[in-house]
């Protein structure tokens, strides 16, 4: 148990013959948040914008947020431009920022928007 109060509560349930389980289930929930991409650009002839997120440092929180945004808005075109796409996700990680995006199916570039993204 995580607290003395929980221990006392469980002891009372047991004493009274009330069957119980302690923390038997984990429930997920979503907290509504806003996400504001850094840039919005339109490719020639495109109907929808390309949202560009520029990153120098790509934190675990950034990655979690990215996946949550894409899950909530699967039709948006979100891409990353990294200052250095070869940076590793963290100490001891073999995965680079660019590799992480590729694995997630997210387009990315280094330094600037490639001309091909706008044509």
PDB file of N, CA and C in Angstrom:
ATOM      1  N   UNK A   1       0.848  -1.168   0.000  1.00  0.00           N
ATOM      2  CA  UNK A   1       0.000   0.000   0.000  1.00  0.00           C
ATOM      3  C   UNK A   1       0.896   1.234   0.000  1.00  0.00           C
ATOM      4  N   UNK A   2       0.339   2.311  -0.521  1.00  0.00           N
ATOM      5  CA  UNK A   2       1.133   3.528  -0.689  1.00  0.00           C
ATOM      6  C   UNK A   2       1.055   4.486   0.500  1.00  0.00           C
ATOM      7  N   UNK A   3       0.117   4.237   1.405  1.00  0.00           N
ATOM      8  CA  UNK A   3       0.003   5.145   2.551  1.00  0.00           C
ATOM      9  C   UNK A   3      -0.572   4.409   3.758  1.00  0.00           C
ATOM     10  N   UNK A   4      -0.367   5.012   4.885  1.00  0.00           N
ATOM     11  CA  UNK A   4      -0.926   4.457   6.116  1.00  0.00           C
ATOM     12  C   UNK A   4      -2.447   4.467   6.060  1.00  0.00           C
ATOM     13  N   UNK A   5      -3.008   5.514   5.487  1.00  0.00           N
ATOM     14  CA  UNK A   5      -4.470   5.581   5.374  1.00  0.00           C
ATOM     15  C   UNK A   5      -5.003   4.423   4.540  1.00  0.00           C
ATOM     16  N   UNK A   6      -4.347   4.122   3.415  1.00  0.00           N
ATOM     17  CA  UNK A   6      -4.771   2.993   2.589  1.00  0.00           C
ATOM     18  C   UNK A   6      -4.670   1.684   3.383  1.00  0.00           C
ATOM     19  N   UNK A   7      -3.610   1.526   4.158  1.00  0.00           N
ATOM     20  CA  UNK A   7      -3.447   0.323   4.982  1.00  0.00           C
ATOM     21  C   UNK A   7      -4.586   0.195   5.992  1.00  0.00           C
ATOM     22  N   UNK A   8      -4.926   1.310   6.642  1.00  0.00           N
ATOM     23  CA  UNK A   8      -6.035   1.296   7.613  1.00  0.00           C
ATOM     24  C   UNK A   8      -7.359   0.997   6.914  1.00  0.00           C
ATOM     25  N   UNK A   9      -7.544   1.590   5.755  1.00  0.00           N
ATOM     26  CA  UNK A   9      -8.771   1.371   4.986  1.00  0.00           C
ATOM     27  C   UNK A   9      -8.902  -0.108   4.617  1.00  0.00           C
ATOM     28  N   UNK A  10      -7.793  -0.712   4.113  1.00  0.00           N
ATOM     29  CA  UNK A  10      -7.804  -2.130   3.736  1.00  0.00           C
ATOM     30  C   UNK A  10      -8.066  -3.014   4.960  1.00  0.00           C
ATOM     31  N   UNK A  11      -7.461  -2.656   6.080  1.00  0.00           N
ATOM     32  CA  UNK A  11      -7.676  -3.433   7.307  1.00  0.00           C
ATOM     33  C   UNK A  11      -9.141  -3.405   7.714  1.00  0.00           C
ATOM     34  N   UNK A  12      -9.782  -2.260   7.553  1.00  0.00           N
ATOM     35  CA  UNK A  12     -11.210  -2.153   7.882  1.00  0.00           C
ATOM     36  C   UNK A  12     -12.047  -3.011   6.943  1.00  0.00           C
ATOM     37  N   UNK A  13     -11.698  -2.985   5.645  1.00  0.00           N
ATOM     38  CA  UNK A  13     -12.438  -3.825   4.705  1.00  0.00           C
ATOM     39  C   UNK A  13     -12.317  -5.297   5.099  1.00  0.00           C
ATOM     40  N   UNK A  14     -11.100  -5.721   5.417  1.00  0.00           N
ATOM     41  CA  UNK A  14     -10.848  -7.111   5.792  1.00  0.00           C
ATOM     42  C   UNK A  14     -11.628  -7.469   7.060  1.00  0.00           C
ATOM     43  N   UNK A  15     -11.563  -6.602   8.043  1.00  0.00           N
ATOM     44  CA  UNK A  15     -12.258  -6.818   9.315  1.00  0.00           C
ATOM     45  C   UNK A  15     -13.760  -6.981   9.106  1.00  0.00           C
ATOM     46  N   UNK A  16     -14.303  -6.227   8.151  1.00  0.00           N
ATOM     47  CA  UNK A  16     -15.745  -6.259   7.887  1.00  0.00           C
ATOM     48  C   UNK A  16     -16.127  -7.336   6.885  1.00  0.00           C
ATOM     49  N   UNK A  17     -15.132  -8.093   6.398  1.00  0.00           N
ATOM     50  CA  UNK A  17     -15.420  -9.194   5.471  1.00  0.00           C
ATOM     51  C   UNK A  17     -15.753  -8.738   4.063  1.00  0.00           C
ATOM     52  N   UNK A  18     -15.297  -7.553   3.699  1.00  0.00           N
ATOM     53  CA  UNK A  18     -15.567  -7.012   2.369  1.00  0.00           C
ATOM     54  C   UNK A  18     -14.412  -7.387   1.450  1.00  0.00           C
ATOM     55  N   UNK A  19     -14.723  -8.146   0.416  1.00  0.00           N
ATOM     56  CA  UNK A  19     -13.700  -8.569  -0.539  1.00  0.00           C
ATOM     57  C   UNK A  19     -13.202  -7.355  -1.321  1.00  0.00           C
ATOM     58  N   UNK A  20     -11.912  -7.312  -1.557  1.00  0.00           N
ATOM     59  CA  UNK A  20     -11.348  -6.189  -2.313  1.00  0.00           C
ATOM     60  C   UNK A  20     -10.058  -6.614  -2.995  1.00  0.00           C
ATOM     61  N   UNK A  21      -9.656  -5.818  -3.960  1.00  0.00           N
ATOM     62  CA  UNK A  21      -8.357  -5.926  -4.597  1.00  0.00           C
ATOM     63  C   UNK A  21      -7.723  -4.545  -4.503  1.00  0.00           C
ATOM     64  N   UNK A  22      -6.436  -4.527  -4.327  1.00  0.00           N
ATOM     65  CA  UNK A  22      -5.740  -3.245  -4.233  1.00  0.00           C
ATOM     66  C   UNK A  22      -5.117  -2.913  -5.582  1.00  0.00           C
ATOM     67  N   UNK A  23      -5.456  -1.776  -6.126  1.00  0.00           N
ATOM     68  CA  UNK A  23      -4.952  -1.283  -7.415  1.00  0.00           C
ATOM     69  C   UNK A  23      -4.991  -2.366  -8.503  1.00  0.00           C
ATOM     70  N   UNK A  24      -6.170  -2.938  -8.759  1.00  0.00           N
ATOM     71  CA  UNK A  24      -6.256  -4.028  -9.731  1.00  0.00           C
ATOM     72  C   UNK A  24      -6.249  -3.575 -11.193  1.00  0.00           C
ATOM     73  N   UNK A  25      -6.519  -2.310 -11.427  1.00  0.00           N
ATOM     74  CA  UNK A  25      -6.700  -1.845 -12.797  1.00  0.00           C
ATOM     75  C   UNK A  25      -6.019  -0.505 -13.000  1.00  0.00           C
ATOM     76  N   UNK A  26      -5.458  -0.330 -14.189  1.00  0.00           N
ATOM     77  CA  UNK A  26      -4.935   0.981 -14.592  1.00  0.00           C
ATOM     78  C   UNK A  26      -5.827   1.515 -15.698  1.00  0.00           C
ATOM     79  N   UNK A  27      -6.253   2.733 -15.569  1.00  0.00           N
ATOM     80  CA  UNK A  27      -7.137   3.359 -16.541  1.00  0.00           C
ATOM     81  C   UNK A  27      -6.392   4.500 -17.227  1.00  0.00           C
ATOM     82  N   UNK A  28      -6.482   4.543 -18.526  1.00  0.00           N
ATOM     83  CA  UNK A  28      -5.856   5.644 -19.245  1.00  0.00           C
ATOM     84  C   UNK A  28      -6.850   6.797 -19.347  1.00  0.00           C
ATOM     85  N   UNK A  29      -6.329   7.989 -19.496  1.00  0.00           N
ATOM     86  CA  UNK A  29      -7.175   9.161 -19.679  1.00  0.00           C
ATOM     87  C   UNK A  29      -6.413  10.182 -20.501  1.00  0.00           C
ATOM     88  N   UNK A  30      -7.161  11.069 -21.099  1.00  0.00           N
ATOM     89  CA  UNK A  30      -6.576  12.102 -21.936  1.00  0.00           C
ATOM     90  C   UNK A  30      -6.926  13.452 -21.343  1.00  0.00           C
ATOM     91  N   UNK A  31      -5.923  14.268 -21.159  1.00  0.00           N
ATOM     92  CA  UNK A  31      -6.135  15.625 -20.685  1.00  0.00           C
ATOM     93  C   UNK A  31      -6.100  16.526 -21.916  1.00  0.00           C
ATOM     94  N   UNK A  32      -7.171  17.275 -22.169  1.00  0.00           N
ATOM     95  CA  UNK A  32      -7.159  18.149 -23.346  1.00  0.00           C
ATOM     96  C   UNK A  32      -6.019  19.165 -23.261  1.00  0.00           C
ATOM     97  N   UNK A  33      -5.276  19.253 -24.331  1.00  0.00           N
ATOM     98  CA  UNK A  33      -4.150  20.183 -24.406  1.00  0.00           C
ATOM     99  C   UNK A  33      -4.187  20.854 -25.764  1.00  0.00           C
ATOM    100  N   UNK A  34      -3.445  21.919 -25.898  1.00  0.00           N
ATOM    101  CA  UNK A  34      -3.299  22.592 -27.187  1.00  0.00           C
ATOM    102  C   UNK A  34      -1.887  22.372 -27.688  1.00  0.00           C
ATOM    103  N   UNK A  35      -1.770  22.232 -28.979  1.00  0.00           N
ATOM    104  CA  UNK A  35      -0.469  22.103 -29.610  1.00  0.00           C
ATOM    105  C   UNK A  35      -0.380  23.161 -30.692  1.00  0.00           C
ATOM    106  N   UNK A  36       0.680  23.924 -30.694  1.00  0.00           N
ATOM    107  CA  UNK A  36       0.885  24.967 -31.684  1.00  0.00           C
ATOM    108  C   UNK A  36       2.185  24.686 -32.422  1.00  0.00           C
ATOM    109  N   UNK A  37       2.088  24.198 -33.678  1.00  0.00           N
ATOM    110  CA  UNK A  37       3.311  23.941 -34.435  1.00  0.00           C
ATOM    111  C   UNK A  37       4.056  25.244 -34.698  1.00  0.00           C
ATOM    112  N   UNK A  38       5.367  25.126 -34.902  1.00  0.00           N
ATOM    113  CA  UNK A  38       6.189  26.313 -35.117  1.00  0.00           C
ATOM    114  C   UNK A  38       5.831  27.050 -36.403  1.00  0.00           C
ATOM    115  N   UNK A  39       5.655  26.313 -37.492  1.00  0.00           N
ATOM    116  CA  UNK A  39       5.410  26.927 -38.797  1.00  0.00           C
ATOM    117  C   UNK A  39       4.335  26.162 -39.554  1.00  0.00           C
ATOM    118  N   UNK A  40       3.680  26.866 -40.452  1.00  0.00           N
ATOM    119  CA  UNK A  40       2.725  26.274 -41.377  1.00  0.00           C
ATOM    120  C   UNK A  40       3.096  26.781 -42.768  1.00  0.00           C
ATOM    121  N   UNK A  41       3.335  25.865 -43.699  1.00  0.00           N
ATOM    122  CA  UNK A  41       3.675  26.239 -45.071  1.00  0.00           C
ATOM    123  C   UNK A  41       2.782  25.461 -46.026  1.00  0.00           C
ATOM    124  N   UNK A  42       2.622  25.987 -47.226  1.00  0.00           N
ATOM    125  CA  UNK A  42       1.836  25.271 -48.236  1.00  0.00           C
ATOM    126  C   UNK A  42       2.724  24.942 -49.423  1.00  0.00           C
ATOM    127  N   UNK A  43       2.658  23.701 -49.819  1.00  0.00           N
ATOM    128  CA  UNK A  43       3.351  23.277 -51.030  1.00  0.00           C
ATOM    129  C   UNK A  43       2.540  23.757 -52.225  1.00  0.00           C
ATOM    130  N   UNK A  44       3.196  23.870 -53.374  1.00  0.00           N
ATOM    131  CA  UNK A  44       2.503  24.297 -54.593  1.00  0.00           C
ATOM    132  C   UNK A  44       1.317  23.385 -54.873  1.00  0.00           C
ATOM    133  N   UNK A  45       0.145  23.983 -55.030  1.00  0.00           N
ATOM    134  CA  UNK A  45      -1.059  23.239 -55.366  1.00  0.00           C
ATOM    135  C   UNK A  45      -1.670  22.434 -54.229  1.00  0.00           C
ATOM    136  N   UNK A  46      -1.100  22.510 -53.047  1.00  0.00           N
ATOM    137  CA  UNK A  46      -1.616  21.732 -51.909  1.00  0.00           C
ATOM    138  C   UNK A  46      -2.864  22.382 -51.339  1.00  0.00           C
ATOM    139  N   UNK A  47      -3.778  21.556 -50.883  1.00  0.00           N
ATOM    140  CA  UNK A  47      -4.985  22.057 -50.241  1.00  0.00           C
ATOM    141  C   UNK A  47      -4.782  22.246 -48.739  1.00  0.00           C
ATOM    142  N   UNK A  48      -3.961  21.393 -48.164  1.00  0.00           N
ATOM    143  CA  UNK A  48      -3.724  21.454 -46.721  1.00  0.00           C
ATOM    144  C   UNK A  48      -2.292  21.909 -46.445  1.00  0.00           C
ATOM    145  N   UNK A  49      -2.102  22.559 -45.306  1.00  0.00           N
ATOM    146  CA  UNK A  49      -0.744  23.014 -44.968  1.00  0.00           C
ATOM    147  C   UNK A  49       0.142  21.867 -44.491  1.00  0.00           C
ATOM    148  N   UNK A  50       1.418  22.105 -44.561  1.00  0.00           N
ATOM    149  CA  UNK A  50       2.409  21.252 -43.915  1.00  0.00           C
ATOM    150  C   UNK A  50       2.787  21.979 -42.632  1.00  0.00           C
ATOM    151  N   UNK A  51       2.675  21.283 -41.513  1.00  0.00           N
ATOM    152  CA  UNK A  51       3.083  21.863 -40.242  1.00  0.00           C
ATOM    153  C   UNK A  51       4.525  21.444 -39.975  1.00  0.00           C
ATOM    154  N   UNK A  52       5.333  22.427 -39.655  1.00  0.00           N
ATOM    155  CA  UNK A  52       6.754  22.186 -39.420  1.00  0.00           C
ATOM    156  C   UNK A  52       7.079  22.473 -37.957  1.00  0.00           C
ATOM    157  N   UNK A  53       7.722  21.519 -37.342  1.00  0.00           N
ATOM    158  CA  UNK A  53       8.227  21.692 -35.985  1.00  0.00           C
ATOM    159  C   UNK A  53       9.741  21.709 -36.092  1.00  0.00           C
ATOM    160  N   UNK A  54      10.358  22.790 -35.622  1.00  0.00           N
ATOM    161  CA  UNK A  54      11.815  22.886 -35.644  1.00  0.00           C
ATOM    162  C   UNK A  54      12.337  22.499 -34.263  1.00  0.00           C
ATOM    163  N   UNK A  55      13.391  21.696 -34.258  1.00  0.00           N
ATOM    164  CA  UNK A  55      13.911  21.204 -32.986  1.00  0.00           C
ATOM    165  C   UNK A  55      15.425  21.230 -32.964  1.00  0.00           C
ATOM    166  N   UNK A  56      15.939  21.794 -31.884  1.00  0.00           N
ATOM    167  CA  UNK A  56      17.350  21.664 -31.578  1.00  0.00           C
ATOM    168  C   UNK A  56      17.511  20.471 -30.653  1.00  0.00           C
ATOM    169  N   UNK A  57      16.746  20.485 -29.563  1.00  0.00           N
ATOM    170  CA  UNK A  57      16.761  19.403 -28.588  1.00  0.00           C
ATOM    171  C   UNK A  57      15.396  18.739 -28.626  1.00  0.00           C
ATOM    172  N   UNK A  58      15.349  17.432 -28.818  1.00  0.00           N
ATOM    173  CA  UNK A  58      14.121  16.658 -28.999  1.00  0.00           C
ATOM    174  C   UNK A  58      13.914  15.782 -27.765  1.00  0.00           C
ATOM    175  N   UNK A  59      13.177  16.300 -26.800  1.00  0.00           N
ATOM    176  CA  UNK A  59      13.031  15.646 -25.498  1.00  0.00           C
ATOM    177  C   UNK A  59      12.046  14.478 -25.553  1.00  0.00           C
ATOM    178  N   UNK A  60      12.090  13.617 -24.538  1.00  0.00           N
ATOM    179  CA  UNK A  60      11.087  12.559 -24.448  1.00  0.00           C
ATOM    180  C   UNK A  60       9.663  13.133 -24.408  1.00  0.00           C
ATOM    181  N   UNK A  61       9.486  14.254 -23.723  1.00  0.00           N
ATOM    182  CA  UNK A  61       8.155  14.893 -23.674  1.00  0.00           C
ATOM    183  C   UNK A  61       7.726  15.354 -25.059  1.00  0.00           C
ATOM    184  N   UNK A  62       8.668  15.873 -25.859  1.00  0.00           N
ATOM    185  CA  UNK A  62       8.357  16.280 -27.234  1.00  0.00           C
ATOM    186  C   UNK A  62       7.884  15.078 -28.048  1.00  0.00           C
ATOM    187  N   UNK A  63       8.545  13.959 -27.884  1.00  0.00           N
ATOM    188  CA  UNK A  63       8.197  12.763 -28.655  1.00  0.00           C
ATOM    189  C   UNK A  63       6.827  12.232 -28.246  1.00  0.00           C
ATOM    190  N   UNK A  64       6.570  12.221 -26.951  1.00  0.00           N
ATOM    191  CA  UNK A  64       5.260  11.774 -26.463  1.00  0.00           C
ATOM    192  C   UNK A  64       4.157  12.685 -26.985  1.00  0.00           C
ATOM    193  N   UNK A  65       4.395  13.996 -26.923  1.00  0.00           N
ATOM    194  CA  UNK A  65       3.410  14.965 -27.406  1.00  0.00           C
ATOM    195  C   UNK A  65       3.168  14.774 -28.902  1.00  0.00           C
ATOM    196  N   UNK A  66       4.230  14.572 -29.655  1.00  0.00           N
ATOM    197  CA  UNK A  66       4.104  14.378 -31.099  1.00  0.00           C
ATOM    198  C   UNK A  66       3.195  13.191 -31.408  1.00  0.00           C
ATOM    199  N   UNK A  67       3.426  12.080 -30.747  1.00  0.00           N
ATOM    200  CA  UNK A  67       2.602  10.895 -30.994  1.00  0.00           C
ATOM    201  C   UNK A  67       1.151  11.120 -30.579  1.00  0.00           C
ATOM    202  N   UNK A  68       0.943  11.854 -29.492  1.00  0.00           N
ATOM    203  CA  UNK A  68      -0.421  12.154 -29.045  1.00  0.00           C
ATOM    204  C   UNK A  68      -1.137  13.057 -30.039  1.00  0.00           C
ATOM    205  N   UNK A  69      -0.444  14.066 -30.540  1.00  0.00           N
ATOM    206  CA  UNK A  69      -1.036  14.985 -31.519  1.00  0.00           C
ATOM    207  C   UNK A  69      -1.389  14.226 -32.796  1.00  0.00           C
ATOM    208  N   UNK A  70      -0.483  13.402 -33.277  1.00  0.00           N
ATOM    209  CA  UNK A  70      -0.747  12.650 -34.505  1.00  0.00           C
ATOM    210  C   UNK A  70      -1.862  11.630 -34.323  1.00  0.00           C
ATOM    211  N   UNK A  71      -1.966  11.084 -33.130  1.00  0.00           N
ATOM    212  CA  UNK A  71      -3.063  10.153 -32.844  1.00  0.00           C
ATOM    213  C   UNK A  71      -4.408  10.885 -32.833  1.00  0.00           C
ATOM    214  N   UNK A  72      -4.415  12.085 -32.277  1.00  0.00           N
ATOM    215  CA  UNK A  72      -5.652  12.869 -32.203  1.00  0.00           C
ATOM    216  C   UNK A  72      -6.012  13.513 -33.536  1.00  0.00           C
ATOM    217  N   UNK A  73      -5.022  13.743 -34.400  1.00  0.00           N
ATOM    218  CA  UNK A  73      -5.233  14.416 -35.683  1.00  0.00           C
ATOM    219  C   UNK A  73      -4.495  13.654 -36.784  1.00  0.00           C
ATOM    220  N   UNK A  74      -4.963  12.450 -37.115  1.00  0.00           N
ATOM    221  CA  UNK A  74      -4.217  11.616 -38.059  1.00  0.00           C
ATOM    222  C   UNK A  74      -4.116  12.173 -39.479  1.00  0.00           C
ATOM    223  N   UNK A  75      -4.928  13.149 -39.824  1.00  0.00           N
ATOM    224  CA  UNK A  75      -4.898  13.669 -41.199  1.00  0.00           C
ATOM    225  C   UNK A  75      -3.941  14.849 -41.384  1.00  0.00           C
ATOM    226  N   UNK A  76      -3.331  15.351 -40.300  1.00  0.00           N
ATOM    227  CA  UNK A  76      -2.419  16.484 -40.473  1.00  0.00           C
ATOM    228  C   UNK A  76      -1.073  16.003 -41.015  1.00  0.00           C
ATOM    229  N   UNK A  77      -0.401  16.907 -41.676  1.00  0.00           N
ATOM    230  CA  UNK A  77       0.929  16.635 -42.219  1.00  0.00           C
ATOM    231  C   UNK A  77       1.939  17.369 -41.336  1.00  0.00           C
ATOM    232  N   UNK A  78       2.470  16.662 -40.366  1.00  0.00           N
ATOM    233  CA  UNK A  78       3.420  17.238 -39.420  1.00  0.00           C
ATOM    234  C   UNK A  78       4.813  16.710 -39.739  1.00  0.00           C
ATOM    235  N   UNK A  79       5.759  17.625 -39.910  1.00  0.00           N
ATOM    236  CA  UNK A  79       7.125  17.257 -40.250  1.00  0.00           C
ATOM    237  C   UNK A  79       8.092  17.981 -39.325  1.00  0.00           C
ATOM    238  N   UNK A  80       9.289  17.439 -39.230  1.00  0.00           N
ATOM    239  CA  UNK A  80      10.310  18.029 -38.367  1.00  0.00           C
ATOM    240  C   UNK A  80      11.501  18.505 -39.176  1.00  0.00           C
ATOM    241  N   UNK A  81      12.045  19.631 -38.751  1.00  0.00           N
ATOM    242  CA  UNK A  81      13.337  20.090 -39.251  1.00  0.00           C
ATOM    243  C   UNK A  81      14.220  20.206 -38.013  1.00  0.00           C
ATOM    244  N   UNK A  82      15.257  19.377 -37.987  1.00  0.00           N
ATOM    245  CA  UNK A  82      16.163  19.338 -36.849  1.00  0.00           C
ATOM    246  C   UNK A  82      17.397  20.178 -37.108  1.00  0.00           C
ATOM    247  N   UNK A  83      17.904  20.750 -36.053  1.00  0.00           N
ATOM    248  CA  UNK A  83      19.184  21.441 -36.143  1.00  0.00           C
ATOM    249  C   UNK A  83      20.273  20.416 -36.452  1.00  0.00           C
ATOM    250  N   UNK A  84      20.189  19.251 -35.787  1.00  0.00           N
ATOM    251  CA  UNK A  84      21.124  18.154 -36.042  1.00  0.00           C
ATOM    252  C   UNK A  84      20.369  16.843 -35.884  1.00  0.00           C
ATOM    253  N   UNK A  85      19.930  16.272 -37.004  1.00  0.00           N
ATOM    254  CA  UNK A  85      19.127  15.055 -36.983  1.00  0.00           C
ATOM    255  C   UNK A  85      19.913  13.837 -36.531  1.00  0.00           C
ATOM    256  N   UNK A  86      21.242  13.964 -36.462  1.00  0.00           N
ATOM    257  CA  UNK A  86      22.091  12.844 -36.034  1.00  0.00           C
ATOM    258  C   UNK A  86      22.248  12.762 -34.516  1.00  0.00           C
ATOM    259  N   UNK A  87      21.703  13.741 -33.799  1.00  0.00           N
ATOM    260  CA  UNK A  87      21.752  13.669 -32.336  1.00  0.00           C
ATOM    261  C   UNK A  87      21.033  12.410 -31.874  1.00  0.00           C
ATOM    262  N   UNK A  88      21.553  11.805 -30.831  1.00  0.00           N
ATOM    263  CA  UNK A  88      20.937  10.615 -30.247  1.00  0.00           C
ATOM    264  C   UNK A  88      19.791  11.038 -29.320  1.00  0.00           C
ATOM    265  N   UNK A  89      18.802  10.156 -29.180  1.00  0.00           N
ATOM    266  CA  UNK A  89      17.657  10.450 -28.327  1.00  0.00           C
ATOM    267  C   UNK A  89      18.061  10.661 -26.872  1.00  0.00           C
ATOM    268  N   UNK A  90      19.119  10.020 -26.448  1.00  0.00           N
ATOM    269  CA  UNK A  90      19.588  10.175 -25.080  1.00  0.00           C
ATOM    270  C   UNK A  90      20.903   9.460 -24.895  1.00  0.00           C
ATOM    271  N   UNK A  91      21.464   9.608 -23.710  1.00  0.00           N
ATOM    272  CA  UNK A  91      22.720   8.916 -23.409  1.00  0.00           C
ATOM    273  C   UNK A  91      22.510   7.417 -23.555  1.00  0.00           C
ATOM    274  N   UNK A  92      23.403   6.787 -24.265  1.00  0.00           N
ATOM    275  CA  UNK A  92      23.321   5.344 -24.438  1.00  0.00           C
ATOM    276  C   UNK A  92      22.378   4.904 -25.538  1.00  0.00           C
ATOM    277  N   UNK A  93      21.600   5.807 -26.077  1.00  0.00           N
ATOM    278  CA  UNK A  93      20.686   5.446 -27.156  1.00  0.00           C
ATOM    279  C   UNK A  93      21.449   5.358 -28.471  1.00  0.00           C
ATOM    280  N   UNK A  94      21.070   4.394 -29.291  1.00  0.00           N
ATOM    281  CA  UNK A  94      21.658   4.281 -30.625  1.00  0.00           C
ATOM    282  C   UNK A  94      20.779   4.982 -31.658  1.00  0.00           C
ATOM    283  N   UNK A  95      19.577   5.365 -31.262  1.00  0.00           N
ATOM    284  CA  UNK A  95      18.603   5.964 -32.173  1.00  0.00           C
ATOM    285  C   UNK A  95      18.798   7.469 -32.258  1.00  0.00           C
ATOM    286  N   UNK A  96      18.848   7.970 -33.487  1.00  0.00           N
ATOM    287  CA  UNK A  96      18.961   9.411 -33.708  1.00  0.00           C
ATOM    288  C   UNK A  96      17.573  10.022 -33.818  1.00  0.00           C
ATOM    289  N   UNK A  97      17.542  11.353 -33.776  1.00  0.00           N
ATOM    290  CA  UNK A  97      16.273  12.062 -33.955  1.00  0.00           C
ATOM    291  C   UNK A  97      15.633  11.659 -35.290  1.00  0.00           C
ATOM    292  N   UNK A  98      16.431  11.676 -36.339  1.00  0.00           N
ATOM    293  CA  UNK A  98      15.920  11.324 -37.660  1.00  0.00           C
ATOM    294  C   UNK A  98      15.404   9.897 -37.727  1.00  0.00           C
ATOM    295  N   UNK A  99      16.137   8.963 -37.130  1.00  0.00           N
ATOM    296  CA  UNK A  99      15.704   7.565 -37.133  1.00  0.00           C
ATOM    297  C   UNK A  99      14.384   7.393 -36.390  1.00  0.00           C
ATOM    298  N   UNK A 100      14.224   8.130 -35.288  1.00  0.00           N
ATOM    299  CA  UNK A 100      12.973   8.047 -34.543  1.00  0.00           C
ATOM    300  C   UNK A 100      11.810   8.480 -35.432  1.00  0.00           C
ATOM    301  N   UNK A 101      11.980   9.600 -36.136  1.00  0.00           N
ATOM    302  CA  UNK A 101      10.918  10.082 -37.025  1.00  0.00           C
ATOM    303  C   UNK A 101      10.624   9.065 -38.121  1.00  0.00           C
ATOM    304  N   UNK A 102      11.663   8.541 -38.728  1.00  0.00           N
ATOM    305  CA  UNK A 102      11.478   7.547 -39.789  1.00  0.00           C
ATOM    306  C   UNK A 102      10.683   6.357 -39.271  1.00  0.00           C
ATOM    307  N   UNK A 103      11.030   5.879 -38.079  1.00  0.00           N
ATOM    308  CA  UNK A 103      10.324   4.750 -37.478  1.00  0.00           C
ATOM    309  C   UNK A 103       8.846   5.068 -37.246  1.00  0.00           C
ATOM    310  N   UNK A 104       8.552   6.331 -36.933  1.00  0.00           N
ATOM    311  CA  UNK A 104       7.168   6.748 -36.675  1.00  0.00           C
ATOM    312  C   UNK A 104       6.424   7.122 -37.963  1.00  0.00           C
ATOM    313  N   UNK A 105       7.122   7.108 -39.092  1.00  0.00           N
ATOM    314  CA  UNK A 105       6.500   7.497 -40.354  1.00  0.00           C
ATOM    315  C   UNK A 105       6.365   9.003 -40.503  1.00  0.00           C
ATOM    316  N   UNK A 106       7.230   9.750 -39.834  1.00  0.00           N
ATOM    317  CA  UNK A 106       7.185  11.212 -39.860  1.00  0.00           C
ATOM    318  C   UNK A 106       8.317  11.716 -40.749  1.00  0.00           C
ATOM    319  N   UNK A 107       7.980  12.580 -41.688  1.00  0.00           N
ATOM    320  CA  UNK A 107       9.004  13.156 -42.544  1.00  0.00           C
ATOM    321  C   UNK A 107       9.851  14.131 -41.747  1.00  0.00           C
ATOM    322  N   UNK A 108      11.145  14.184 -42.079  1.00  0.00           N
ATOM    323  CA  UNK A 108      12.054  15.066 -41.361  1.00  0.00           C
ATOM    324  C   UNK A 108      13.170  15.523 -42.291  1.00  0.00           C
ATOM    325  N   UNK A 109      13.806  16.587 -41.882  1.00  0.00           N
ATOM    326  CA  UNK A 109      14.952  17.118 -42.622  1.00  0.00           C
ATOM    327  C   UNK A 109      15.894  17.736 -41.604  1.00  0.00           C
ATOM    328  N   UNK A 110      17.054  18.138 -42.097  1.00  0.00           N
ATOM    329  CA  UNK A 110      18.031  18.786 -41.229  1.00  0.00           C
ATOM    330  C   UNK A 110      18.343  20.175 -41.761  1.00  0.00           C
ATOM    331  N   UNK A 111      18.241  21.156 -40.885  1.00  0.00           N
ATOM    332  CA  UNK A 111      18.667  22.514 -41.209  1.00  0.00           C
ATOM    333  C   UNK A 111      17.635  23.392 -41.878  1.00  0.00           C
ATOM    334  N   UNK A 112      17.010  22.905 -42.938  1.00  0.00           N
ATOM    335  CA  UNK A 112      16.013  23.710 -43.653  1.00  0.00           C
ATOM    336  C   UNK A 112      15.029  22.808 -44.388  1.00  0.00           C
ATOM    337  N   UNK A 113      13.950  23.413 -44.845  1.00  0.00           N
ATOM    338  CA  UNK A 113      12.938  22.644 -45.583  1.00  0.00           C
ATOM    339  C   UNK A 113      13.511  22.256 -46.952  1.00  0.00           C
ATOM    340  N   UNK A 114      13.459  20.988 -47.292  1.00  0.00           N
ATOM    341  CA  UNK A 114      13.908  20.578 -48.628  1.00  0.00           C
ATOM    342  C   UNK A 114      12.981  21.146 -49.701  1.00  0.00           C
ATOM    343  N   UNK A 115      13.540  21.505 -50.834  1.00  0.00           N
ATOM    344  CA  UNK A 115      12.777  22.046 -51.944  1.00  0.00           C
ATOM    345  C   UNK A 115      11.657  21.096 -52.346  1.00  0.00           C
ATOM    346  N   UNK A 116      11.919  19.794 -52.273  1.00  0.00           N
ATOM    347  CA  UNK A 116      10.923  18.782 -52.655  1.00  0.00           C
ATOM    348  C   UNK A 116       9.649  18.869 -51.818  1.00  0.00           C
ATOM    349  N   UNK A 117       9.753  19.346 -50.579  1.00  0.00           N
ATOM    350  CA  UNK A 117       8.565  19.486 -49.740  1.00  0.00           C
ATOM    351  C   UNK A 117       7.631  20.572 -50.264  1.00  0.00           C
ATOM    352  N   UNK A 118       8.155  21.510 -51.013  1.00  0.00           N
ATOM    353  CA  UNK A 118       7.353  22.646 -51.470  1.00  0.00           C
ATOM    354  C   UNK A 118       6.902  22.523 -52.918  1.00  0.00           C
ATOM    355  N   UNK A 119       7.497  21.606 -53.666  1.00  0.00           N
ATOM    356  CA  UNK A 119       7.129  21.434 -55.090  1.00  0.00           C
ATOM    357  C   UNK A 119       5.898  20.580 -55.265  1.00  0.00           C
TER     358      UNK A 119
END
